[in-house]
Amino acid sequence: MEWTWAKTYAKTWPHHYIVKDGVDDQELFLQTVKHIRRHGRGGPFYNKKYIYFEEYGLVYWTIGAPIDETTVINRCPKENTYEYRLKKGKLP
């Protein structure tokens, strides 16, 4: 599947995303959401908490809607995550 560049957040929180309605295999999308939720770990984004799954230097997350209502999966390099940037003093 092809990931979309989140141009609105390019300067502050660069990342890519996919939208459920835009993928060919919606069952695979659902399985990916479940995988992120099951194998990820909780982490902050300012005053919110999300579940993040990291693999091969990329971090994946959803916004926290129930699994069957989730419509977007996000990803970014580890160096662009809130936790990493907070530790390095590089928050926007």
PDB file of N, CA and C in Angstrom:
ATOM      1  N   MET A   1       0.833  -1.179   0.000  1.00  0.00           N
ATOM      2  CA  MET A   1       0.000   0.000   0.000  1.00  0.00           C
ATOM      3  C   MET A   1       0.879   1.244   0.000  1.00  0.00           C
ATOM      4  N   GLU A   2       0.338   2.308  -0.486  1.00  0.00           N
ATOM      5  CA  GLU A   2       1.093   3.550  -0.568  1.00  0.00           C
ATOM      6  C   GLU A   2       0.710   4.469   0.594  1.00  0.00           C
ATOM      7  N   TRP A   3       1.731   4.954   1.291  1.00  0.00           N
ATOM      8  CA  TRP A   3       1.528   5.855   2.412  1.00  0.00           C
ATOM      9  C   TRP A   3       1.478   7.290   1.903  1.00  0.00           C
ATOM     10  N   THR A   4       0.643   8.112   2.544  1.00  0.00           N
ATOM     11  CA  THR A   4       0.475   9.514   2.177  1.00  0.00           C
ATOM     12  C   THR A   4       1.262  10.398   3.125  1.00  0.00           C
ATOM     13  N   TRP A   5       1.980  11.363   2.575  1.00  0.00           N
ATOM     14  CA  TRP A   5       2.728  12.335   3.368  1.00  0.00           C
ATOM     15  C   TRP A   5       1.737  13.299   4.018  1.00  0.00           C
ATOM     16  N   ALA A   6       1.846  13.470   5.325  1.00  0.00           N
ATOM     17  CA  ALA A   6       0.956  14.369   6.065  1.00  0.00           C
ATOM     18  C   ALA A   6       1.481  15.802   5.937  1.00  0.00           C
ATOM     19  N   LYS A   7       1.195  16.439   4.816  1.00  0.00           N
ATOM     20  CA  LYS A   7       1.788  17.744   4.519  1.00  0.00           C
ATOM     21  C   LYS A   7       1.376  18.827   5.518  1.00  0.00           C
ATOM     22  N   THR A   8       0.209  18.696   6.124  1.00  0.00           N
ATOM     23  CA  THR A   8      -0.237  19.672   7.112  1.00  0.00           C
ATOM     24  C   THR A   8       0.718  19.724   8.310  1.00  0.00           C
ATOM     25  N   TYR A   9       1.328  18.595   8.629  1.00  0.00           N
ATOM     26  CA  TYR A   9       2.210  18.508   9.791  1.00  0.00           C
ATOM     27  C   TYR A   9       3.686  18.426   9.408  1.00  0.00           C
ATOM     28  N   ALA A  10       4.018  18.728   8.187  1.00  0.00           N
ATOM     29  CA  ALA A  10       5.388  18.555   7.691  1.00  0.00           C
ATOM     30  C   ALA A  10       6.424  19.302   8.523  1.00  0.00           C
ATOM     31  N   LYS A  11       6.106  20.492   8.978  1.00  0.00           N
ATOM     32  CA  LYS A  11       7.079  21.291   9.742  1.00  0.00           C
ATOM     33  C   LYS A  11       7.106  20.948  11.226  1.00  0.00           C
ATOM     34  N   THR A  12       5.996  20.459  11.768  1.00  0.00           N
ATOM     35  CA  THR A  12       5.941  20.194  13.206  1.00  0.00           C
ATOM     36  C   THR A  12       6.065  18.709  13.549  1.00  0.00           C
ATOM     37  N   TRP A  13       5.245  17.877  12.928  1.00  0.00           N
ATOM     38  CA  TRP A  13       5.225  16.441  13.226  1.00  0.00           C
ATOM     39  C   TRP A  13       5.217  15.650  11.929  1.00  0.00           C
ATOM     40  N   PRO A  14       6.356  15.605  11.226  1.00  0.00           N
ATOM     41  CA  PRO A  14       6.395  14.900   9.941  1.00  0.00           C
ATOM     42  C   PRO A  14       6.090  13.412  10.097  1.00  0.00           C
ATOM     43  N   HIS A  15       5.164  12.944   9.273  1.00  0.00           N
ATOM     44  CA  HIS A  15       4.793  11.526   9.283  1.00  0.00           C
ATOM     45  C   HIS A  15       4.008  11.192   8.021  1.00  0.00           C
ATOM     46  N   HIS A  16       3.751   9.912   7.844  1.00  0.00           N
ATOM     47  CA  HIS A  16       2.919   9.405   6.759  1.00  0.00           C
ATOM     48  C   HIS A  16       1.697   8.724   7.369  1.00  0.00           C
ATOM     49  N   TYR A  17       0.689   8.494   6.548  1.00  0.00           N
ATOM     50  CA  TYR A  17      -0.508   7.802   7.033  1.00  0.00           C
ATOM     51  C   TYR A  17      -1.177   7.037   5.892  1.00  0.00           C
ATOM     52  N   ILE A  18      -2.022   6.098   6.286  1.00  0.00           N
ATOM     53  CA  ILE A  18      -2.913   5.422   5.350  1.00  0.00           C
ATOM     54  C   ILE A  18      -4.328   5.527   5.910  1.00  0.00           C
ATOM     55  N   VAL A  19      -5.292   5.558   5.009  1.00  0.00           N
ATOM     56  CA  VAL A  19      -6.702   5.654   5.386  1.00  0.00           C
ATOM     57  C   VAL A  19      -7.391   4.356   4.994  1.00  0.00           C
ATOM     58  N   LYS A  20      -8.188   3.840   5.896  1.00  0.00           N
ATOM     59  CA  LYS A  20      -8.857   2.547   5.682  1.00  0.00           C
ATOM     60  C   LYS A  20      -9.597   2.491   4.346  1.00  0.00           C
ATOM     61  N   ASP A  21     -10.334   3.533   4.024  1.00  0.00           N
ATOM     62  CA  ASP A  21     -11.110   3.521   2.782  1.00  0.00           C
ATOM     63  C   ASP A  21     -10.234   3.576   1.534  1.00  0.00           C
ATOM     64  N   GLY A  22      -8.949   3.888   1.703  1.00  0.00           N
ATOM     65  CA  GLY A  22      -8.059   3.997   0.561  1.00  0.00           C
ATOM     66  C   GLY A  22      -7.172   2.789   0.314  1.00  0.00           C
ATOM     67  N   VAL A  23      -7.339   1.744   1.123  1.00  0.00           N
ATOM     68  CA  VAL A  23      -6.509   0.553   0.941  1.00  0.00           C
ATOM     69  C   VAL A  23      -7.315  -0.550   0.256  1.00  0.00           C
ATOM     70  N   ASP A  24      -6.624  -1.404  -0.468  1.00  0.00           N
ATOM     71  CA  ASP A  24      -7.277  -2.505  -1.174  1.00  0.00           C
ATOM     72  C   ASP A  24      -7.760  -3.599  -0.231  1.00  0.00           C
ATOM     73  N   ASP A  25      -6.977  -3.859   0.818  1.00  0.00           N
ATOM     74  CA  ASP A  25      -7.283  -4.970   1.714  1.00  0.00           C
ATOM     75  C   ASP A  25      -7.668  -4.430   3.091  1.00  0.00           C
ATOM     76  N   GLN A  26      -8.955  -4.212   3.284  1.00  0.00           N
ATOM     77  CA  GLN A  26      -9.406  -3.639   4.552  1.00  0.00           C
ATOM     78  C   GLN A  26      -9.244  -4.612   5.715  1.00  0.00           C
ATOM     79  N   GLU A  27      -9.249  -5.900   5.446  1.00  0.00           N
ATOM     80  CA  GLU A  27      -9.001  -6.879   6.510  1.00  0.00           C
ATOM     81  C   GLU A  27      -7.560  -6.772   6.997  1.00  0.00           C
ATOM     82  N   LEU A  28      -6.612  -6.582   6.085  1.00  0.00           N
ATOM     83  CA  LEU A  28      -5.221  -6.388   6.473  1.00  0.00           C
ATOM     84  C   LEU A  28      -5.069  -5.100   7.280  1.00  0.00           C
ATOM     85  N   PHE A  29      -5.783  -4.054   6.898  1.00  0.00           N
ATOM     86  CA  PHE A  29      -5.770  -2.807   7.661  1.00  0.00           C
ATOM     87  C   PHE A  29      -6.218  -3.083   9.100  1.00  0.00           C
ATOM     88  N   LEU A  30      -7.337  -3.795   9.249  1.00  0.00           N
ATOM     89  CA  LEU A  30      -7.867  -4.123  10.566  1.00  0.00           C
ATOM     90  C   LEU A  30      -6.875  -4.965  11.363  1.00  0.00           C
ATOM     91  N   GLN A  31      -6.243  -5.938  10.737  1.00  0.00           N
ATOM     92  CA  GLN A  31      -5.252  -6.771  11.416  1.00  0.00           C
ATOM     93  C   GLN A  31      -4.045  -5.940  11.858  1.00  0.00           C
ATOM     94  N   THR A  32      -3.675  -4.948  11.062  1.00  0.00           N
ATOM     95  CA  THR A  32      -2.556  -4.071  11.430  1.00  0.00           C
ATOM     96  C   THR A  32      -2.919  -3.230  12.647  1.00  0.00           C
ATOM     97  N   VAL A  33      -4.128  -2.699  12.670  1.00  0.00           N
ATOM     98  CA  VAL A  33      -4.583  -1.939  13.844  1.00  0.00           C
ATOM     99  C   VAL A  33      -4.538  -2.825  15.086  1.00  0.00           C
ATOM    100  N   LYS A  34      -5.040  -4.037  14.969  1.00  0.00           N
ATOM    101  CA  LYS A  34      -5.025  -4.968  16.110  1.00  0.00           C
ATOM    102  C   LYS A  34      -3.595  -5.270  16.549  1.00  0.00           C
ATOM    103  N   HIS A  35      -2.688  -5.446  15.594  1.00  0.00           N
ATOM    104  CA  HIS A  35      -1.292  -5.731  15.912  1.00  0.00           C
ATOM    105  C   HIS A  35      -0.665  -4.561  16.681  1.00  0.00           C
ATOM    106  N   ILE A  36      -0.889  -3.367  16.212  1.00  0.00           N
ATOM    107  CA  ILE A  36      -0.362  -2.176  16.902  1.00  0.00           C
ATOM    108  C   ILE A  36      -0.880  -2.143  18.331  1.00  0.00           C
ATOM    109  N   ARG A  37      -2.169  -2.340  18.505  1.00  0.00           N
ATOM    110  CA  ARG A  37      -2.777  -2.268  19.843  1.00  0.00           C
ATOM    111  C   ARG A  37      -2.308  -3.399  20.754  1.00  0.00           C
ATOM    112  N   ARG A  38      -2.142  -4.591  20.184  1.00  0.00           N
ATOM    113  CA  ARG A  38      -1.775  -5.758  20.987  1.00  0.00           C
ATOM    114  C   ARG A  38      -0.295  -5.773  21.358  1.00  0.00           C
ATOM    115  N   HIS A  39       0.565  -5.374  20.429  1.00  0.00           N
ATOM    116  CA  HIS A  39       2.005  -5.509  20.638  1.00  0.00           C
ATOM    117  C   HIS A  39       2.718  -4.184  20.887  1.00  0.00           C
ATOM    118  N   GLY A  40       1.986  -3.093  20.810  1.00  0.00           N
ATOM    119  CA  GLY A  40       2.589  -1.789  21.060  1.00  0.00           C
ATOM    120  C   GLY A  40       2.669  -1.482  22.547  1.00  0.00           C
ATOM    121  N   ARG A  41       3.170  -0.303  22.832  1.00  0.00           N
ATOM    122  CA  ARG A  41       3.251   0.130  24.229  1.00  0.00           C
ATOM    123  C   ARG A  41       2.699   1.536  24.330  1.00  0.00           C
ATOM    124  N   GLY A  42       2.153   1.855  25.487  1.00  0.00           N
ATOM    125  CA  GLY A  42       1.600   3.176  25.714  1.00  0.00           C
ATOM    126  C   GLY A  42       2.693   4.216  25.798  1.00  0.00           C
ATOM    127  N   GLY A  43       2.409   5.365  25.254  1.00  0.00           N
ATOM    128  CA  GLY A  43       3.360   6.466  25.319  1.00  0.00           C
ATOM    129  C   GLY A  43       2.639   7.783  25.140  1.00  0.00           C
ATOM    130  N   PRO A  44       3.271   8.868  25.574  1.00  0.00           N
ATOM    131  CA  PRO A  44       2.604  10.167  25.541  1.00  0.00           C
ATOM    132  C   PRO A  44       2.704  10.872  24.194  1.00  0.00           C
ATOM    133  N   PHE A  45       1.791  11.777  23.989  1.00  0.00           N
ATOM    134  CA  PHE A  45       1.876  12.818  22.976  1.00  0.00           C
ATOM    135  C   PHE A  45       1.262  14.040  23.645  1.00  0.00           C
ATOM    136  N   TYR A  46       2.120  14.871  24.197  1.00  0.00           N
ATOM    137  CA  TYR A  46       1.710  15.974  25.064  1.00  0.00           C
ATOM    138  C   TYR A  46       0.852  15.397  26.187  1.00  0.00           C
ATOM    139  N   ASN A  47      -0.403  15.827  26.333  1.00  0.00           N
ATOM    140  CA  ASN A  47      -1.208  15.343  27.457  1.00  0.00           C
ATOM    141  C   ASN A  47      -2.081  14.140  27.086  1.00  0.00           C
ATOM    142  N   LYS A  48      -1.870  13.586  25.900  1.00  0.00           N
ATOM    143  CA  LYS A  48      -2.623  12.402  25.476  1.00  0.00           C
ATOM    144  C   LYS A  48      -1.727  11.178  25.540  1.00  0.00           C
ATOM    145  N   LYS A  49      -2.348  10.011  25.499  1.00  0.00           N
ATOM    146  CA  LYS A  49      -1.593   8.762  25.503  1.00  0.00           C
ATOM    147  C   LYS A  49      -2.088   7.889  24.361  1.00  0.00           C
ATOM    148  N   TYR A  50      -1.138   7.372  23.585  1.00  0.00           N
ATOM    149  CA  TYR A  50      -1.458   6.497  22.464  1.00  0.00           C
ATOM    150  C   TYR A  50      -0.656   5.210  22.605  1.00  0.00           C
ATOM    151  N   ILE A  51      -0.999   4.220  21.798  1.00  0.00           N
ATOM    152  CA  ILE A  51      -0.233   2.984  21.750  1.00  0.00           C
ATOM    153  C   ILE A  51       0.620   3.032  20.500  1.00  0.00           C
ATOM    154  N   TYR A  52       1.933   2.858  20.712  1.00  0.00           N
ATOM    155  CA  TYR A  52       2.905   2.929  19.624  1.00  0.00           C
ATOM    156  C   TYR A  52       3.549   1.562  19.427  1.00  0.00           C
ATOM    157  N   PHE A  53       3.714   1.198  18.175  1.00  0.00           N
ATOM    158  CA  PHE A  53       4.411  -0.044  17.832  1.00  0.00           C
ATOM    159  C   PHE A  53       5.615   0.325  16.975  1.00  0.00           C
ATOM    160  N   GLU A  54       6.798  -0.117  17.408  1.00  0.00           N
ATOM    161  CA  GLU A  54       8.025   0.207  16.678  1.00  0.00           C
ATOM    162  C   GLU A  54       8.595  -1.036  16.023  1.00  0.00           C
ATOM    163  N   GLU A  55       9.017  -0.864  14.765  1.00  0.00           N
ATOM    164  CA  GLU A  55       9.683  -1.947  14.047  1.00  0.00           C
ATOM    165  C   GLU A  55      10.589  -1.343  12.981  1.00  0.00           C
ATOM    166  N   TYR A  56      11.833  -1.796  12.964  1.00  0.00           N
ATOM    167  CA  TYR A  56      12.816  -1.362  11.966  1.00  0.00           C
ATOM    168  C   TYR A  56      12.956   0.161  11.891  1.00  0.00           C
ATOM    169  N   GLY A  57      12.928   0.807  13.056  1.00  0.00           N
ATOM    170  CA  GLY A  57      13.143   2.256  13.111  1.00  0.00           C
ATOM    171  C   GLY A  57      11.926   3.098  12.775  1.00  0.00           C
ATOM    172  N   LEU A  58      10.790   2.445  12.478  1.00  0.00           N
ATOM    173  CA  LEU A  58       9.555   3.174  12.222  1.00  0.00           C
ATOM    174  C   LEU A  58       8.578   2.926  13.361  1.00  0.00           C
ATOM    175  N   VAL A  59       7.825   3.950  13.699  1.00  0.00           N
ATOM    176  CA  VAL A  59       6.844   3.854  14.773  1.00  0.00           C
ATOM    177  C   VAL A  59       5.448   4.046  14.171  1.00  0.00           C
ATOM    178  N   TYR A  60       4.537   3.158  14.529  1.00  0.00           N
ATOM    179  CA  TYR A  60       3.172   3.158  14.010  1.00  0.00           C
ATOM    180  C   TYR A  60       2.206   3.425  15.154  1.00  0.00           C
ATOM    181  N   TRP A  61       1.130   4.172  14.874  1.00  0.00           N
ATOM    182  CA  TRP A  61       0.120   4.430  15.895  1.00  0.00           C
ATOM    183  C   TRP A  61      -1.204   4.796  15.236  1.00  0.00           C
ATOM    184  N   THR A  62      -2.251   4.673  16.047  1.00  0.00           N
ATOM    185  CA  THR A  62      -3.578   5.132  15.657  1.00  0.00           C
ATOM    186  C   THR A  62      -4.000   6.150  16.700  1.00  0.00           C
ATOM    187  N   ILE A  63      -5.123   6.793  16.481  1.00  0.00           N
ATOM    188  CA  ILE A  63      -5.520   7.871  17.387  1.00  0.00           C
ATOM    189  C   ILE A  63      -6.343   7.387  18.574  1.00  0.00           C
ATOM    190  N   GLY A  64      -6.683   6.151  18.658  1.00  0.00           N
ATOM    191  CA  GLY A  64      -7.292   5.630  19.869  1.00  0.00           C
ATOM    192  C   GLY A  64      -8.769   5.303  19.798  1.00  0.00           C
ATOM    193  N   ALA A  65      -9.379   5.453  18.632  1.00  0.00           N
ATOM    194  CA  ALA A  65     -10.776   5.040  18.491  1.00  0.00           C
ATOM    195  C   ALA A  65     -10.853   3.523  18.677  1.00  0.00           C
ATOM    196  N   PRO A  66     -12.024   3.007  19.000  1.00  0.00           N
ATOM    197  CA  PRO A  66     -12.153   1.545  19.054  1.00  0.00           C
ATOM    198  C   PRO A  66     -11.660   0.930  17.734  1.00  0.00           C
ATOM    199  N   ILE A  67     -11.155  -0.281  17.815  1.00  0.00           N
ATOM    200  CA  ILE A  67     -10.535  -0.930  16.657  1.00  0.00           C
ATOM    201  C   ILE A  67     -11.427  -0.887  15.423  1.00  0.00           C
ATOM    202  N   ASP A  68     -12.684  -1.246  15.565  1.00  0.00           N
ATOM    203  CA  ASP A  68     -13.575  -1.294  14.395  1.00  0.00           C
ATOM    204  C   ASP A  68     -13.951   0.090  13.867  1.00  0.00           C
ATOM    205  N   GLU A  69     -13.634   1.159  14.618  1.00  0.00           N
ATOM    206  CA  GLU A  69     -13.913   2.521  14.172  1.00  0.00           C
ATOM    207  C   GLU A  69     -12.655   3.260  13.717  1.00  0.00           C
ATOM    208  N   THR A  70     -11.503   2.621  13.840  1.00  0.00           N
ATOM    209  CA  THR A  70     -10.239   3.255  13.456  1.00  0.00           C
ATOM    210  C   THR A  70     -10.161   3.367  11.944  1.00  0.00           C
ATOM    211  N   THR A  71      -9.837   4.559  11.455  1.00  0.00           N
ATOM    212  CA  THR A  71      -9.802   4.789  10.008  1.00  0.00           C
ATOM    213  C   THR A  71      -8.431   5.209   9.501  1.00  0.00           C
ATOM    214  N   VAL A  72      -7.481   5.507  10.411  1.00  0.00           N
ATOM    215  CA  VAL A  72      -6.163   5.992   9.995  1.00  0.00           C
ATOM    216  C   VAL A  72      -5.073   5.284  10.782  1.00  0.00           C
ATOM    217  N   ILE A  73      -4.013   4.889  10.094  1.00  0.00           N
ATOM    218  CA  ILE A  73      -2.782   4.402  10.725  1.00  0.00           C
ATOM    219  C   ILE A  73      -1.683   5.372  10.329  1.00  0.00           C
ATOM    220  N   ASN A  74      -0.930   5.827  11.319  1.00  0.00           N
ATOM    221  CA  ASN A  74       0.173   6.757  11.101  1.00  0.00           C
ATOM    222  C   ASN A  74       1.507   6.042  11.275  1.00  0.00           C
ATOM    223  N   ARG A  75       2.567   6.609  10.673  1.00  0.00           N
ATOM    224  CA  ARG A  75       3.918   6.098  10.923  1.00  0.00           C
ATOM    225  C   ARG A  75       4.923   7.226  10.721  1.00  0.00           C
ATOM    226  N   CYS A  76       6.022   7.112  11.460  1.00  0.00           N
ATOM    227  CA  CYS A  76       7.129   8.057  11.307  1.00  0.00           C
ATOM    228  C   CYS A  76       8.412   7.385  11.782  1.00  0.00           C
ATOM    229  N   PRO A  77       9.553   7.929  11.398  1.00  0.00           N
ATOM    230  CA  PRO A  77      10.808   7.423  11.953  1.00  0.00           C
ATOM    231  C   PRO A  77      10.848   7.679  13.461  1.00  0.00           C
ATOM    232  N   LYS A  78      11.493   6.827  14.184  1.00  0.00           N
ATOM    233  CA  LYS A  78      11.584   6.957  15.642  1.00  0.00           C
ATOM    234  C   LYS A  78      12.043   8.360  16.043  1.00  0.00           C
ATOM    235  N   GLU A  79      12.938   8.942  15.256  1.00  0.00           N
ATOM    236  CA  GLU A  79      13.494  10.258  15.574  1.00  0.00           C
ATOM    237  C   GLU A  79      12.461  11.375  15.491  1.00  0.00           C
ATOM    238  N   ASN A  80      11.301  11.109  14.932  1.00  0.00           N
ATOM    239  CA  ASN A  80      10.249  12.126  14.840  1.00  0.00           C
ATOM    240  C   ASN A  80       9.145  11.938  15.870  1.00  0.00           C
ATOM    241  N   THR A  81       9.302  10.977  16.791  1.00  0.00           N
ATOM    242  CA  THR A  81       8.264  10.752  17.797  1.00  0.00           C
ATOM    243  C   THR A  81       8.350  11.789  18.909  1.00  0.00           C
ATOM    244  N   TYR A  82       7.246  11.966  19.586  1.00  0.00           N
ATOM    245  CA  TYR A  82       7.187  12.899  20.711  1.00  0.00           C
ATOM    246  C   TYR A  82       8.208  12.539  21.779  1.00  0.00           C
ATOM    247  N   GLU A  83       8.231  11.269  22.192  1.00  0.00           N
ATOM    248  CA  GLU A  83       9.149  10.857  23.264  1.00  0.00           C
ATOM    249  C   GLU A  83      10.603  11.125  22.903  1.00  0.00           C
ATOM    250  N   TYR A  84      10.998  10.785  21.698  1.00  0.00           N
ATOM    251  CA  TYR A  84      12.381  10.986  21.267  1.00  0.00           C
ATOM    252  C   TYR A  84      12.716  12.471  21.240  1.00  0.00           C
ATOM    253  N   ARG A  85      11.843  13.254  20.649  1.00  0.00           N
ATOM    254  CA  ARG A  85      12.100  14.682  20.533  1.00  0.00           C
ATOM    255  C   ARG A  85      12.063  15.370  21.892  1.00  0.00           C
ATOM    256  N   LEU A  86      11.204  14.902  22.796  1.00  0.00           N
ATOM    257  CA  LEU A  86      11.172  15.443  24.147  1.00  0.00           C
ATOM    258  C   LEU A  86      12.510  15.220  24.843  1.00  0.00           C
ATOM    259  N   LYS A  87      13.017  13.996  24.767  1.00  0.00           N
ATOM    260  CA  LYS A  87      14.309  13.670  25.397  1.00  0.00           C
ATOM    261  C   LYS A  87      15.456  14.483  24.828  1.00  0.00           C
ATOM    262  N   LYS A  88      15.379  14.786  23.536  1.00  0.00           N
ATOM    263  CA  LYS A  88      16.450  15.537  22.864  1.00  0.00           C
ATOM    264  C   LYS A  88      16.229  17.046  22.920  1.00  0.00           C
ATOM    265  N   GLY A  89      15.131  17.488  23.542  1.00  0.00           N
ATOM    266  CA  GLY A  89      14.828  18.917  23.623  1.00  0.00           C
ATOM    267  C   GLY A  89      14.488  19.523  22.269  1.00  0.00           C
ATOM    268  N   LYS A  90      13.816  18.751  21.417  1.00  0.00           N
ATOM    269  CA  LYS A  90      13.524  19.206  20.052  1.00  0.00           C
ATOM    270  C   LYS A  90      12.030  19.247  19.740  1.00  0.00           C
ATOM    271  N   LEU A  91      11.206  19.560  20.740  1.00  0.00           N
ATOM    272  CA  LEU A  91       9.771  19.664  20.473  1.00  0.00           C
ATOM    273  C   LEU A  91       9.490  20.954  19.708  1.00  0.00           C
ATOM    274  N   PRO A  92       8.509  20.911  18.819  1.00  0.00           N
ATOM    275  CA  PRO A  92       8.151  22.148  18.092  1.00  0.00           C
ATOM    276  C   PRO A  92       7.460  23.142  19.004  1.00  0.00           C
TER     277      PRO A  92
END
